[in-house]
């Protein structure tokens, strides 16, 4: 009788171990999925920031080139020309640059 109780107890303990092991495996899988999701989200944010920075830089460069063109052609009144030159200096401070150094 005692041997039979020991056998039942052993089977019960093994089933508990199996259930606990399965639960730990699921927890590890969930944690790995969370880590991968966070890494992907971080990577997406980094790429988006790079795109936005490139877009902003391109917009500044486009405006800078347009202003240079107006200054080269002397189609602006004197007062407006001073404002445009001031904006050109602002854009240069923001990172726009003259590629061909005309103006």
C-alpha atoms as a PDB file:
ATOM      1  CA  UNK A   1       0.000   0.000   0.000  1.00  0.00           C
ATOM      2  CA  UNK A   2       2.767   2.389   0.904  1.00  0.00           C
ATOM      3  CA  UNK A   3       4.575   1.632  -2.343  1.00  0.00           C
ATOM      4  CA  UNK A   4       1.380   2.457  -4.222  1.00  0.00           C
ATOM      5  CA  UNK A   5       1.077   5.849  -2.469  1.00  0.00           C
ATOM      6  CA  UNK A   6       4.692   6.624  -3.331  1.00  0.00           C
ATOM      7  CA  UNK A   7       4.020   5.804  -6.983  1.00  0.00           C
ATOM      8  CA  UNK A   8       0.963   8.079  -7.060  1.00  0.00           C
ATOM      9  CA  UNK A   9       2.902  10.843  -5.337  1.00  0.00           C
ATOM     10  CA  UNK A  10       5.775  10.480  -7.849  1.00  0.00           C
ATOM     11  CA  UNK A  11       3.384  10.680 -10.786  1.00  0.00           C
ATOM     12  CA  UNK A  12       1.741  13.737  -9.252  1.00  0.00           C
ATOM     13  CA  UNK A  13       5.115  15.459  -8.758  1.00  0.00           C
ATOM     14  CA  UNK A  14       6.178  14.676 -12.351  1.00  0.00           C
ATOM     15  CA  UNK A  15       2.931  16.153 -13.682  1.00  0.00           C
ATOM     16  CA  UNK A  16       3.544  19.296 -11.593  1.00  0.00           C
ATOM     17  CA  UNK A  17       7.089  19.545 -12.949  1.00  0.00           C
ATOM     18  CA  UNK A  18       5.862  19.095 -16.512  1.00  0.00           C
ATOM     19  CA  UNK A  19       3.193  21.766 -16.038  1.00  0.00           C
ATOM     20  CA  UNK A  20       5.687  24.150 -14.421  1.00  0.00           C
ATOM     21  CA  UNK A  21       8.226  23.546 -17.192  1.00  0.00           C
ATOM     22  CA  UNK A  22       5.588  24.234 -19.850  1.00  0.00           C
ATOM     23  CA  UNK A  23       4.598  27.452 -18.063  1.00  0.00           C
ATOM     24  CA  UNK A  24       8.237  28.610 -17.900  1.00  0.00           C
ATOM     25  CA  UNK A  25       8.682  27.880 -21.604  1.00  0.00           C
ATOM     26  CA  UNK A  26       5.632  29.994 -22.428  1.00  0.00           C
ATOM     27  CA  UNK A  27       6.926  32.813 -20.230  1.00  0.00           C
ATOM     28  CA  UNK A  28      10.305  32.741 -21.987  1.00  0.00           C
ATOM     29  CA  UNK A  29       8.632  32.784 -25.394  1.00  0.00           C
ATOM     30  CA  UNK A  30       6.505  35.768 -24.333  1.00  0.00           C
ATOM     31  CA  UNK A  31       9.567  37.655 -23.026  1.00  0.00           C
ATOM     32  CA  UNK A  32      11.477  36.962 -26.257  1.00  0.00           C
ATOM     33  CA  UNK A  33       8.539  38.257 -28.298  1.00  0.00           C
ATOM     34  CA  UNK A  34       8.438  41.417 -26.159  1.00  0.00           C
ATOM     35  CA  UNK A  35      12.179  41.980 -26.602  1.00  0.00           C
ATOM     36  CA  UNK A  36      11.911  41.530 -30.385  1.00  0.00           C
ATOM     37  CA  UNK A  37       8.898  43.877 -30.561  1.00  0.00           C
ATOM     38  CA  UNK A  38      10.740  46.566 -28.616  1.00  0.00           C
ATOM     39  CA  UNK A  39      13.821  46.203 -30.794  1.00  0.00           C
ATOM     40  CA  UNK A  40      11.706  46.468 -33.964  1.00  0.00           C
ATOM     41  CA  UNK A  41       9.861  49.505 -32.589  1.00  0.00           C
ATOM     42  CA  UNK A  42      13.171  51.178 -31.693  1.00  0.00           C
ATOM     43  CA  UNK A  43      14.546  50.430 -35.162  1.00  0.00           C
ATOM     44  CA  UNK A  44      11.412  51.879 -36.810  1.00  0.00           C
ATOM     45  CA  UNK A  45      11.681  55.038 -34.704  1.00  0.00           C
ATOM     46  CA  UNK A  46      15.348  55.414 -35.646  1.00  0.00           C
ATOM     47  CA  UNK A  47      14.598  55.008 -39.365  1.00  0.00           C
ATOM     48  CA  UNK A  48      11.697  57.477 -39.161  1.00  0.00           C
ATOM     49  CA  UNK A  49      13.906  60.040 -37.416  1.00  0.00           C
ATOM     50  CA  UNK A  50      16.559  59.625 -40.110  1.00  0.00           C
ATOM     51  CA  UNK A  51      13.949  60.127 -42.837  1.00  0.00           C
ATOM     52  CA  UNK A  52      12.529  63.206 -41.113  1.00  0.00           C
ATOM     53  CA  UNK A  53      16.016  64.680 -40.679  1.00  0.00           C
ATOM     54  CA  UNK A  54      16.826  64.033 -44.346  1.00  0.00           C
ATOM     55  CA  UNK A  55      13.502  65.583 -45.390  1.00  0.00           C
ATOM     56  CA  UNK A  56      14.098  68.676 -43.261  1.00  0.00           C
ATOM     57  CA  UNK A  57      17.628  69.042 -44.577  1.00  0.00           C
ATOM     58  CA  UNK A  58      16.385  68.677 -48.161  1.00  0.00           C
ATOM     59  CA  UNK A  59      13.713  71.335 -47.575  1.00  0.00           C
ATOM     60  CA  UNK A  60      16.317  73.752 -46.197  1.00  0.00           C
ATOM     61  CA  UNK A  61      18.614  73.025 -49.123  1.00  0.00           C
ATOM     62  CA  UNK A  62      15.791  73.579 -51.637  1.00  0.00           C
ATOM     63  CA  UNK A  63      14.846  76.907 -50.068  1.00  0.00           C
ATOM     64  CA  UNK A  64      18.509  77.906 -49.935  1.00  0.00           C
ATOM     65  CA  UNK A  65      18.961  77.098 -53.634  1.00  0.00           C
ATOM     66  CA  UNK A  66      15.828  79.075 -54.519  1.00  0.00           C
ATOM     67  CA  UNK A  67      17.096  82.096 -52.577  1.00  0.00           C
ATOM     68  CA  UNK A  68      20.506  81.859 -54.260  1.00  0.00           C
ATOM     69  CA  UNK A  69      18.794  81.808 -57.621  1.00  0.00           C
ATOM     70  CA  UNK A  70      16.826  84.963 -56.799  1.00  0.00           C
ATOM     71  CA  UNK A  71      19.963  86.714 -55.599  1.00  0.00           C
ATOM     72  CA  UNK A  72      21.897  85.760 -58.734  1.00  0.00           C
ATOM     73  CA  UNK A  73      19.216  87.110 -61.042  1.00  0.00           C
ATOM     74  CA  UNK A  74      18.804  90.429 -59.163  1.00  0.00           C
ATOM     75  CA  UNK A  75      15.028  90.362 -59.589  1.00  0.00           C
ATOM     76  CA  UNK A  76      14.293  91.554 -56.058  1.00  0.00           C
ATOM     77  CA  UNK A  77      13.933  95.111 -54.697  1.00  0.00           C
ATOM     78  CA  UNK A  78      16.748  96.226 -52.339  1.00  0.00           C
ATOM     79  CA  UNK A  79      14.771  95.855 -49.066  1.00  0.00           C
ATOM     80  CA  UNK A  80      13.543  92.396 -50.031  1.00  0.00           C
ATOM     81  CA  UNK A  81      17.051  91.478 -51.101  1.00  0.00           C
ATOM     82  CA  UNK A  82      18.342  92.221 -47.576  1.00  0.00           C
ATOM     83  CA  UNK A  83      15.620  90.035 -46.069  1.00  0.00           C
ATOM     84  CA  UNK A  84      16.503  87.234 -48.467  1.00  0.00           C
ATOM     85  CA  UNK A  85      20.195  87.543 -47.605  1.00  0.00           C
ATOM     86  CA  UNK A  86      19.309  87.343 -43.915  1.00  0.00           C
ATOM     87  CA  UNK A  87      17.226  84.195 -44.534  1.00  0.00           C
ATOM     88  CA  UNK A  88      20.124  82.750 -46.543  1.00  0.00           C
ATOM     89  CA  UNK A  89      22.420  83.221 -43.537  1.00  0.00           C
ATOM     90  CA  UNK A  90      19.798  81.546 -41.315  1.00  0.00           C
ATOM     91  CA  UNK A  91      19.595  78.569 -43.661  1.00  0.00           C
ATOM     92  CA  UNK A  92      23.383  78.308 -43.755  1.00  0.00           C
ATOM     93  CA  UNK A  93      23.343  78.175 -39.966  1.00  0.00           C
ATOM     94  CA  UNK A  94      20.779  75.357 -40.163  1.00  0.00           C
ATOM     95  CA  UNK A  95      23.042  73.328 -42.432  1.00  0.00           C
ATOM     96  CA  UNK A  96      22.218  74.332 -46.006  1.00  0.00           C
ATOM     97  CA  UNK A  97      25.308  74.851 -48.115  1.00  0.00           C
ATOM     98  CA  UNK A  98      26.262  76.234 -51.487  1.00  0.00           C
ATOM     99  CA  UNK A  99      27.444  73.331 -53.580  1.00  0.00           C
ATOM    100  CA  UNK A 100      28.929  75.374 -56.414  1.00  0.00           C
ATOM    101  CA  UNK A 101      29.884  78.457 -54.327  1.00  0.00           C
ATOM    102  CA  UNK A 102      28.360  80.905 -56.856  1.00  0.00           C
ATOM    103  CA  UNK A 103      26.909  83.293 -54.265  1.00  0.00           C
END
